[in-house]
Amino acid sequence: QVQLVESGGGLVQPGGSLKLSCVASGNIFSIFAMGWYRQTPGMQRERELVASITSGGHIDYGDAVKGRFTASRDNANHTVSLQMNNVKPEDTAVYYCHAERVYTDSRLTDYWGQGTLVTVSS
């Protein structure tokens, strides 16, 4: 069984910085892409892409975070991080770690973490 465990959420002031981390554990052979999505609490909207990194290093960012957030990934250790700079109140959300096409035991499956809350407020 594969598990994704996030850490680093919390309260941050507008203009501040915060770093999120996620580690995938289990009998993992490879992961195609790892990244972050977010969902505003109480809003009936789909999760929004924050950043996603392929195993080859290609990174996609959501338009709302370009130029402020930086994603990085360690393929060997199945970890992905998100450095959040110059945060804004509208960045307040539950941030979910996502692993796409995780290859384990001859199966390809997507996984989600449990989510970590980031609150941007003064």
N, C-alpha and C. Protein backbone atom coordinates (compact mmCIF):
# COMPACT_ATOMS: atom_id res chain seq x y z
N GLN A 1 0.84 -1.19 0.00
CA GLN A 1 0.00 0.00 0.00
C GLN A 1 0.88 1.24 0.00
N VAL A 2 0.55 2.18 -0.84
CA VAL A 2 1.30 3.43 -0.95
C VAL A 2 0.64 4.50 -0.11
N GLN A 3 1.44 5.24 0.61
CA GLN A 3 0.94 6.36 1.40
C GLN A 3 1.70 7.62 1.06
N LEU A 4 0.98 8.73 1.02
CA LEU A 4 1.58 10.05 0.84
C LEU A 4 1.37 10.83 2.13
N VAL A 5 2.45 11.34 2.68
CA VAL A 5 2.36 12.07 3.95
C VAL A 5 2.91 13.48 3.74
N GLU A 6 2.03 14.47 3.98
CA GLU A 6 2.43 15.87 3.83
C GLU A 6 2.84 16.46 5.17
N SER A 7 3.64 17.51 5.10
CA SER A 7 4.01 18.26 6.29
C SER A 7 4.31 19.70 5.89
N GLY A 8 4.24 20.59 6.88
CA GLY A 8 4.65 21.97 6.66
C GLY A 8 3.55 23.00 6.59
N GLY A 9 2.30 22.58 6.66
CA GLY A 9 1.23 23.57 6.61
C GLY A 9 1.16 24.37 7.90
N GLY A 10 0.32 25.41 7.87
CA GLY A 10 0.16 26.24 9.06
C GLY A 10 -0.27 27.64 8.72
N LEU A 11 -0.09 28.53 9.68
CA LEU A 11 -0.48 29.92 9.52
C LEU A 11 0.72 30.76 9.08
N VAL A 12 0.51 31.61 8.09
CA VAL A 12 1.58 32.48 7.60
C VAL A 12 0.97 33.84 7.26
N GLN A 13 1.75 34.89 7.47
CA GLN A 13 1.27 36.23 7.17
C GLN A 13 1.37 36.53 5.68
N PRO A 14 0.52 37.40 5.19
CA PRO A 14 0.64 37.81 3.78
C PRO A 14 2.03 38.34 3.48
N GLY A 15 2.58 37.92 2.35
CA GLY A 15 3.93 38.29 1.98
C GLY A 15 5.00 37.37 2.53
N GLY A 16 4.61 36.46 3.39
CA GLY A 16 5.56 35.54 4.00
C GLY A 16 5.83 34.32 3.15
N SER A 17 6.55 33.38 3.75
CA SER A 17 6.94 32.15 3.05
C SER A 17 6.62 30.93 3.89
N LEU A 18 6.43 29.84 3.19
CA LEU A 18 6.13 28.56 3.83
C LEU A 18 6.60 27.46 2.90
N LYS A 19 7.04 26.34 3.47
CA LYS A 19 7.46 25.21 2.64
C LYS A 19 6.68 23.97 3.02
N LEU A 20 6.13 23.33 2.01
CA LEU A 20 5.43 22.06 2.18
C LEU A 20 6.29 20.93 1.66
N SER A 21 6.17 19.78 2.31
CA SER A 21 6.90 18.59 1.87
C SER A 21 5.97 17.40 1.85
N CYS A 22 6.29 16.45 0.98
CA CYS A 22 5.49 15.23 0.87
C CYS A 22 6.42 14.07 0.55
N VAL A 23 6.21 12.97 1.24
CA VAL A 23 6.98 11.77 0.96
C VAL A 23 6.03 10.62 0.67
N ALA A 24 6.34 9.87 -0.36
CA ALA A 24 5.58 8.69 -0.72
C ALA A 24 6.31 7.46 -0.22
N SER A 25 5.56 6.58 0.45
CA SER A 25 6.18 5.36 0.97
C SER A 25 5.41 4.15 0.50
N GLY A 26 6.09 3.00 0.50
CA GLY A 26 5.47 1.77 0.04
C GLY A 26 6.38 1.07 -0.94
N ASN A 27 5.89 0.03 -1.53
CA ASN A 27 6.68 -0.75 -2.48
C ASN A 27 6.59 -0.08 -3.86
N ILE A 28 7.32 1.03 -4.00
CA ILE A 28 7.23 1.87 -5.20
C ILE A 28 8.40 1.61 -6.13
N PHE A 29 8.08 1.33 -7.39
CA PHE A 29 9.13 1.18 -8.38
C PHE A 29 9.42 2.51 -9.05
N SER A 30 8.38 3.24 -9.41
CA SER A 30 8.56 4.56 -10.02
C SER A 30 7.28 5.37 -9.88
N ILE A 31 7.42 6.67 -10.04
CA ILE A 31 6.28 7.59 -10.03
C ILE A 31 6.43 8.53 -11.21
N PHE A 32 5.41 8.61 -12.06
CA PHE A 32 5.51 9.47 -13.23
C PHE A 32 5.56 10.94 -12.85
N ALA A 33 4.63 11.39 -12.05
CA ALA A 33 4.59 12.80 -11.66
C ALA A 33 4.20 12.93 -10.20
N MET A 34 4.78 13.88 -9.53
CA MET A 34 4.40 14.23 -8.16
C MET A 34 4.13 15.73 -8.11
N GLY A 35 3.18 16.09 -7.29
CA GLY A 35 2.89 17.52 -7.23
C GLY A 35 1.89 17.88 -6.17
N TRP A 36 1.34 19.07 -6.32
CA TRP A 36 0.44 19.65 -5.33
C TRP A 36 -0.80 20.21 -6.01
N TYR A 37 -1.93 19.98 -5.37
CA TYR A 37 -3.19 20.59 -5.73
C TYR A 37 -3.75 21.25 -4.47
N ARG A 38 -4.69 22.15 -4.65
CA ARG A 38 -5.28 22.79 -3.48
C ARG A 38 -6.77 22.97 -3.65
N GLN A 39 -7.44 23.08 -2.51
CA GLN A 39 -8.90 23.25 -2.51
C GLN A 39 -9.26 24.19 -1.38
N THR A 40 -10.02 25.23 -1.69
CA THR A 40 -10.42 26.20 -0.68
C THR A 40 -11.48 25.58 0.22
N PRO A 41 -11.31 25.63 1.53
CA PRO A 41 -12.30 25.04 2.44
C PRO A 41 -13.68 25.66 2.25
N GLY A 42 -14.69 24.81 2.21
CA GLY A 42 -16.06 25.28 2.11
C GLY A 42 -16.50 25.64 0.71
N MET A 43 -15.60 25.55 -0.26
CA MET A 43 -15.95 25.89 -1.64
C MET A 43 -16.16 24.60 -2.43
N GLN A 44 -17.24 24.60 -3.20
CA GLN A 44 -17.54 23.42 -4.01
C GLN A 44 -16.85 23.55 -5.37
N ARG A 45 -15.55 23.45 -5.35
CA ARG A 45 -14.81 23.52 -6.59
C ARG A 45 -13.84 22.35 -6.65
N GLU A 46 -13.46 21.99 -7.85
CA GLU A 46 -12.48 20.93 -7.99
C GLU A 46 -11.12 21.41 -7.47
N ARG A 47 -10.31 20.45 -7.15
CA ARG A 47 -8.97 20.79 -6.71
C ARG A 47 -8.23 21.48 -7.85
N GLU A 48 -7.48 22.51 -7.48
CA GLU A 48 -6.77 23.34 -8.44
C GLU A 48 -5.31 22.94 -8.48
N LEU A 49 -4.76 22.83 -9.68
CA LEU A 49 -3.34 22.52 -9.81
C LEU A 49 -2.50 23.65 -9.24
N VAL A 50 -1.55 23.27 -8.38
CA VAL A 50 -0.55 24.23 -7.90
C VAL A 50 0.75 24.01 -8.67
N ALA A 51 1.26 22.78 -8.63
CA ALA A 51 2.48 22.45 -9.35
C ALA A 51 2.58 20.94 -9.50
N SER A 52 3.16 20.52 -10.61
CA SER A 52 3.36 19.10 -10.85
C SER A 52 4.69 18.90 -11.56
N ILE A 53 5.47 17.91 -11.12
CA ILE A 53 6.79 17.64 -11.70
C ILE A 53 6.84 16.21 -12.20
N THR A 54 7.23 16.02 -13.45
CA THR A 54 7.40 14.67 -13.96
C THR A 54 8.75 14.11 -13.52
N SER A 55 8.93 12.82 -13.69
CA SER A 55 10.20 12.19 -13.34
C SER A 55 11.34 12.72 -14.21
N GLY A 56 11.00 13.26 -15.35
CA GLY A 56 12.01 13.85 -16.23
C GLY A 56 12.34 15.29 -15.92
N GLY A 57 11.61 15.86 -14.95
CA GLY A 57 11.92 17.22 -14.52
C GLY A 57 11.05 18.32 -15.10
N HIS A 58 10.07 17.97 -15.93
CA HIS A 58 9.18 19.00 -16.46
C HIS A 58 8.21 19.45 -15.37
N ILE A 59 8.07 20.76 -15.21
CA ILE A 59 7.23 21.31 -14.15
C ILE A 59 6.10 22.14 -14.76
N ASP A 60 4.90 21.89 -14.31
CA ASP A 60 3.74 22.72 -14.65
C ASP A 60 3.29 23.44 -13.38
N TYR A 61 3.01 24.73 -13.52
CA TYR A 61 2.49 25.52 -12.41
C TYR A 61 1.11 26.05 -12.75
N GLY A 62 0.26 26.17 -11.73
CA GLY A 62 -1.00 26.84 -11.92
C GLY A 62 -0.76 28.33 -12.14
N ASP A 63 -1.62 28.95 -12.90
CA ASP A 63 -1.43 30.36 -13.24
C ASP A 63 -1.39 31.24 -11.98
N ALA A 64 -2.14 30.86 -10.96
CA ALA A 64 -2.24 31.71 -9.76
C ALA A 64 -0.96 31.75 -8.94
N VAL A 65 -0.05 30.80 -9.17
CA VAL A 65 1.14 30.72 -8.32
C VAL A 65 2.44 30.95 -9.09
N LYS A 66 2.36 31.10 -10.39
CA LYS A 66 3.58 31.27 -11.20
C LYS A 66 4.37 32.48 -10.71
N GLY A 67 5.67 32.28 -10.55
CA GLY A 67 6.54 33.36 -10.12
C GLY A 67 6.63 33.50 -8.61
N ARG A 68 5.78 32.79 -7.88
CA ARG A 68 5.81 32.89 -6.41
C ARG A 68 6.14 31.56 -5.74
N PHE A 69 5.66 30.48 -6.31
CA PHE A 69 5.88 29.15 -5.75
C PHE A 69 6.90 28.39 -6.59
N THR A 70 7.69 27.56 -5.92
CA THR A 70 8.67 26.73 -6.61
C THR A 70 8.56 25.30 -6.12
N ALA A 71 8.40 24.38 -7.04
CA ALA A 71 8.31 22.96 -6.70
C ALA A 71 9.63 22.28 -7.00
N SER A 72 9.94 21.28 -6.19
CA SER A 72 11.14 20.47 -6.42
C SER A 72 10.83 19.03 -6.06
N ARG A 73 11.64 18.14 -6.62
CA ARG A 73 11.36 16.72 -6.44
C ARG A 73 12.65 15.93 -6.32
N ASP A 74 12.62 14.91 -5.48
CA ASP A 74 13.72 13.96 -5.34
C ASP A 74 13.19 12.61 -5.79
N ASN A 75 13.54 12.19 -6.99
CA ASN A 75 13.00 10.94 -7.53
C ASN A 75 13.43 9.73 -6.72
N ALA A 76 14.67 9.72 -6.29
CA ALA A 76 15.20 8.55 -5.59
C ALA A 76 14.48 8.31 -4.26
N ASN A 77 14.10 9.40 -3.60
CA ASN A 77 13.46 9.29 -2.29
C ASN A 77 11.95 9.51 -2.32
N HIS A 78 11.42 9.66 -3.53
CA HIS A 78 9.96 9.82 -3.71
C HIS A 78 9.42 10.97 -2.88
N THR A 79 10.07 12.10 -2.95
CA THR A 79 9.60 13.27 -2.22
C THR A 79 9.37 14.43 -3.18
N VAL A 80 8.46 15.29 -2.78
CA VAL A 80 8.20 16.51 -3.52
C VAL A 80 7.98 17.64 -2.52
N SER A 81 8.51 18.81 -2.84
CA SER A 81 8.38 19.95 -1.94
C SER A 81 7.80 21.14 -2.70
N LEU A 82 7.26 22.06 -1.93
CA LEU A 82 6.70 23.27 -2.51
C LEU A 82 7.13 24.46 -1.67
N GLN A 83 7.97 25.31 -2.23
CA GLN A 83 8.38 26.54 -1.57
C GLN A 83 7.41 27.64 -1.98
N MET A 84 6.72 28.18 -0.99
CA MET A 84 5.70 29.19 -1.23
C MET A 84 6.23 30.53 -0.75
N ASN A 85 6.42 31.47 -1.65
CA ASN A 85 6.91 32.80 -1.32
C ASN A 85 5.87 33.85 -1.66
N ASN A 86 5.96 34.97 -0.98
CA ASN A 86 5.02 36.08 -1.23
C ASN A 86 3.58 35.59 -1.24
N VAL A 87 3.20 34.87 -0.20
CA VAL A 87 1.87 34.28 -0.17
C VAL A 87 0.80 35.36 -0.01
N LYS A 88 -0.38 35.05 -0.49
CA LYS A 88 -1.51 35.98 -0.47
C LYS A 88 -2.68 35.32 0.25
N PRO A 89 -3.61 36.11 0.77
CA PRO A 89 -4.78 35.50 1.45
C PRO A 89 -5.51 34.49 0.56
N GLU A 90 -5.53 34.73 -0.74
CA GLU A 90 -6.22 33.80 -1.63
C GLU A 90 -5.48 32.48 -1.81
N ASP A 91 -4.28 32.36 -1.24
CA ASP A 91 -3.58 31.08 -1.24
C ASP A 91 -4.07 30.17 -0.11
N THR A 92 -4.93 30.70 0.76
CA THR A 92 -5.48 29.88 1.84
C THR A 92 -6.27 28.71 1.25
N ALA A 93 -5.88 27.50 1.65
CA ALA A 93 -6.50 26.30 1.09
C ALA A 93 -5.94 25.08 1.79
N VAL A 94 -6.57 23.95 1.54
CA VAL A 94 -5.98 22.66 1.91
C VAL A 94 -5.14 22.21 0.72
N TYR A 95 -3.89 21.94 0.97
CA TYR A 95 -2.96 21.54 -0.08
C TYR A 95 -2.79 20.02 -0.02
N TYR A 96 -3.00 19.41 -1.17
CA TYR A 96 -2.94 17.95 -1.28
C TYR A 96 -1.74 17.54 -2.13
N CYS A 97 -0.99 16.59 -1.61
CA CYS A 97 0.07 15.97 -2.40
C CYS A 97 -0.55 14.93 -3.33
N HIS A 98 -0.04 14.87 -4.55
CA HIS A 98 -0.58 13.94 -5.54
C HIS A 98 0.56 13.20 -6.21
N ALA A 99 0.39 11.90 -6.37
CA ALA A 99 1.35 11.07 -7.09
C ALA A 99 0.62 10.39 -8.23
N GLU A 100 1.08 10.65 -9.44
CA GLU A 100 0.42 10.16 -10.64
C GLU A 100 1.16 8.98 -11.23
N ARG A 101 0.40 7.98 -11.58
CA ARG A 101 0.94 6.76 -12.20
C ARG A 101 2.09 6.19 -11.37
N VAL A 102 1.73 5.79 -10.15
CA VAL A 102 2.69 5.13 -9.27
C VAL A 102 2.76 3.66 -9.66
N TYR A 103 3.95 3.21 -10.00
CA TYR A 103 4.13 1.82 -10.47
C TYR A 103 4.54 0.95 -9.29
N THR A 104 3.63 0.06 -8.89
CA THR A 104 3.90 -0.88 -7.81
C THR A 104 3.30 -2.23 -8.18
N ASP A 105 4.05 -3.30 -8.00
CA ASP A 105 3.51 -4.65 -8.21
C ASP A 105 2.77 -4.77 -9.54
N SER A 106 3.35 -4.22 -10.60
CA SER A 106 2.79 -4.30 -11.95
C SER A 106 1.49 -3.54 -12.11
N ARG A 107 1.24 -2.57 -11.25
CA ARG A 107 0.03 -1.75 -11.35
C ARG A 107 0.41 -0.28 -11.42
N LEU A 108 -0.43 0.48 -12.11
CA LEU A 108 -0.27 1.93 -12.18
C LEU A 108 -1.48 2.57 -11.51
N THR A 109 -1.26 3.34 -10.46
CA THR A 109 -2.34 3.91 -9.68
C THR A 109 -1.98 5.33 -9.27
N ASP A 110 -2.98 6.19 -9.19
CA ASP A 110 -2.79 7.55 -8.65
C ASP A 110 -3.12 7.55 -7.16
N TYR A 111 -2.41 8.39 -6.40
CA TYR A 111 -2.64 8.49 -4.97
C TYR A 111 -2.70 9.95 -4.53
N TRP A 112 -3.44 10.17 -3.44
CA TRP A 112 -3.56 11.50 -2.82
C TRP A 112 -3.13 11.42 -1.36
N GLY A 113 -2.53 12.50 -0.89
CA GLY A 113 -2.29 12.63 0.53
C GLY A 113 -3.54 13.08 1.25
N GLN A 114 -3.44 13.20 2.57
CA GLN A 114 -4.61 13.55 3.38
C GLN A 114 -4.87 15.05 3.38
N GLY A 115 -3.92 15.83 2.96
CA GLY A 115 -4.07 17.28 2.88
C GLY A 115 -3.49 17.99 4.08
N THR A 116 -2.96 19.18 3.84
CA THR A 116 -2.44 20.00 4.92
C THR A 116 -2.96 21.43 4.71
N LEU A 117 -3.45 22.04 5.78
CA LEU A 117 -4.09 23.35 5.69
C LEU A 117 -3.05 24.46 5.74
N VAL A 118 -3.14 25.36 4.79
CA VAL A 118 -2.32 26.58 4.78
C VAL A 118 -3.27 27.77 4.91
N THR A 119 -3.03 28.57 5.92
CA THR A 119 -3.86 29.75 6.16
C THR A 119 -2.99 31.00 6.07
N VAL A 120 -3.37 31.90 5.18
CA VAL A 120 -2.63 33.15 5.01
C VAL A 120 -3.47 34.28 5.60
N SER A 121 -2.99 34.81 6.70
CA SER A 121 -3.76 35.83 7.41
C SER A 121 -2.84 36.63 8.32
N SER A 122 -3.20 37.90 8.51
CA SER A 122 -2.44 38.74 9.43
C SER A 122 -3.09 38.73 10.80
